[in-house]
Amino acid sequence: MTQTETLSRELTGISAIIVAARGMVNDGKAVNLQPLEAEMRRLCASIECVPRDDARTLEPRLLSLIDELDKLFSAIASKRAVLKDQLSDLSLRDRAVSAYAAPLVKNSR
């Protein structure tokens, strides 16, 4: 198997990881993206070592990967906005409850 074929398979694996991460984000689950970032850095370094003509054959796969990363970013941004709104609503409710809650009075008799 050539280095380009190996990289192509790795791109497929990374794409699957990104799709799975996006699904988790959409399901409201926490996702650790540090391993994905490390894998992307390793992959980019490997691609830099491939002859230019061979690397060009990977271009469509890389563009697709960028698209998948953009979709993941959009999913994260969307969930972040929803969570921000929910936290804001919760904060307003807490302030309202605090403002209208009956003060605690101790009888000193």
Protein backbone atom coordinates (compact mmCIF):
# COMPACT_ATOMS: atom_id res chain seq x y z
CA MET A 1 0.00 0.00 0.00
CA THR A 2 1.37 3.40 -0.96
CA GLN A 3 1.67 6.29 1.43
CA THR A 4 -1.11 8.10 -0.46
CA GLU A 5 -3.43 5.10 -0.08
CA THR A 6 -2.66 4.94 3.62
CA LEU A 7 -3.41 8.64 4.00
CA SER A 8 -6.63 8.23 2.05
CA ARG A 9 -7.76 5.52 4.47
CA GLU A 10 -6.79 7.71 7.41
CA LEU A 11 -8.85 10.55 5.94
CA THR A 12 -11.83 8.20 5.79
CA GLY A 13 -11.33 7.30 9.45
CA ILE A 14 -11.01 10.91 10.53
CA SER A 15 -14.11 11.83 8.56
CA ALA A 16 -16.02 9.10 10.41
CA ILE A 17 -14.77 10.46 13.74
CA ILE A 18 -15.96 13.96 12.79
CA VAL A 19 -19.40 12.68 11.76
CA ALA A 20 -19.67 10.76 15.05
CA ALA A 21 -18.61 13.84 17.03
CA ARG A 22 -21.24 15.93 15.25
CA GLY A 23 -23.87 13.33 16.12
CA MET A 24 -22.84 13.45 19.76
CA VAL A 25 -23.00 17.24 19.79
CA ASN A 26 -26.45 17.15 18.19
CA ASP A 27 -27.52 14.66 20.88
CA GLY A 28 -26.37 17.10 23.56
CA LYS A 29 -23.39 15.00 24.65
CA ALA A 30 -19.97 16.36 25.55
CA VAL A 31 -17.21 15.66 23.05
CA ASN A 32 -13.47 15.78 23.66
CA LEU A 33 -11.96 17.13 20.44
CA GLN A 34 -8.32 17.05 21.57
CA PRO A 35 -7.65 13.57 20.12
CA LEU A 36 -9.18 14.68 16.81
CA GLU A 37 -6.98 17.78 16.79
CA ALA A 38 -3.88 15.69 17.46
CA GLU A 39 -4.83 13.28 14.68
CA MET A 40 -5.40 16.17 12.27
CA ARG A 41 -1.99 17.64 13.10
CA ARG A 42 -0.33 14.26 12.53
CA LEU A 43 -2.20 13.78 9.25
CA CYS A 44 -1.24 17.25 7.97
CA ALA A 45 2.40 16.60 8.83
CA SER A 46 2.23 13.30 6.94
CA ILE A 47 0.68 14.94 3.89
CA GLU A 48 3.49 17.50 3.81
CA CYS A 49 5.93 14.61 3.31
CA VAL A 50 4.09 13.23 0.26
CA PRO A 51 5.25 14.29 -3.20
CA ARG A 52 3.15 17.17 -4.53
CA ASP A 53 1.57 15.18 -7.38
CA ASP A 54 0.53 12.40 -5.01
CA ALA A 55 -0.79 14.92 -2.50
CA ARG A 56 -2.96 16.49 -5.19
CA THR A 57 -4.88 13.22 -5.48
CA LEU A 58 -5.91 13.72 -1.85
CA GLU A 59 -7.30 17.20 -2.48
CA PRO A 60 -10.97 16.15 -2.96
CA ARG A 61 -10.83 14.12 0.26
CA LEU A 62 -9.27 17.03 2.13
CA LEU A 63 -11.93 19.43 0.85
CA SER A 64 -14.60 16.99 2.00
CA LEU A 65 -12.91 16.82 5.40
CA ILE A 66 -12.96 20.61 5.64
CA ASP A 67 -16.68 20.51 4.89
CA GLU A 68 -17.20 17.95 7.67
CA LEU A 69 -15.22 20.13 10.09
CA ASP A 70 -17.36 23.14 9.13
CA LYS A 71 -20.50 21.12 9.87
CA LEU A 72 -19.07 20.09 13.24
CA PHE A 73 -18.25 23.73 14.01
CA SER A 74 -21.80 24.75 13.08
CA ALA A 75 -23.28 22.05 15.31
CA ILE A 76 -21.11 23.15 18.24
CA ALA A 77 -21.96 26.82 17.67
CA SER A 78 -25.66 26.00 17.50
CA LYS A 79 -25.58 24.00 20.75
CA ARG A 80 -23.56 26.74 22.41
CA ALA A 81 -26.20 29.32 21.47
CA VAL A 82 -28.98 27.12 22.85
CA LEU A 83 -27.09 26.54 26.10
CA LYS A 84 -26.37 30.25 26.41
CA ASP A 85 -30.08 31.04 26.09
CA GLN A 86 -30.97 28.35 28.62
CA LEU A 87 -28.45 29.68 31.11
CA SER A 88 -29.73 33.21 30.63
CA ASP A 89 -33.31 32.06 31.25
CA LEU A 90 -32.21 30.16 34.34
CA SER A 91 -30.40 33.21 35.67
CA LEU A 92 -33.51 35.37 35.15
CA ARG A 93 -35.69 32.81 36.94
CA ASP A 94 -33.27 32.65 39.86
CA ARG A 95 -33.32 36.43 40.18
CA ALA A 96 -37.12 36.51 40.04
CA VAL A 97 -37.41 33.81 42.69
CA SER A 98 -34.93 35.64 44.89
CA ALA A 99 -36.77 38.93 44.49
CA TYR A 100 -40.18 37.53 45.31
CA ALA A 101 -39.27 34.86 47.84
CA ALA A 102 -40.61 35.42 51.31
CA PRO A 103 -37.85 36.56 53.64
CA LEU A 104 -36.98 34.11 56.36
CA VAL A 105 -37.98 35.59 59.73
CA LYS A 106 -36.91 33.92 62.96
CA ASN A 107 -39.08 34.24 66.00
CA SER A 108 -36.96 35.24 68.93
CA ARG A 109 -39.55 34.43 71.62
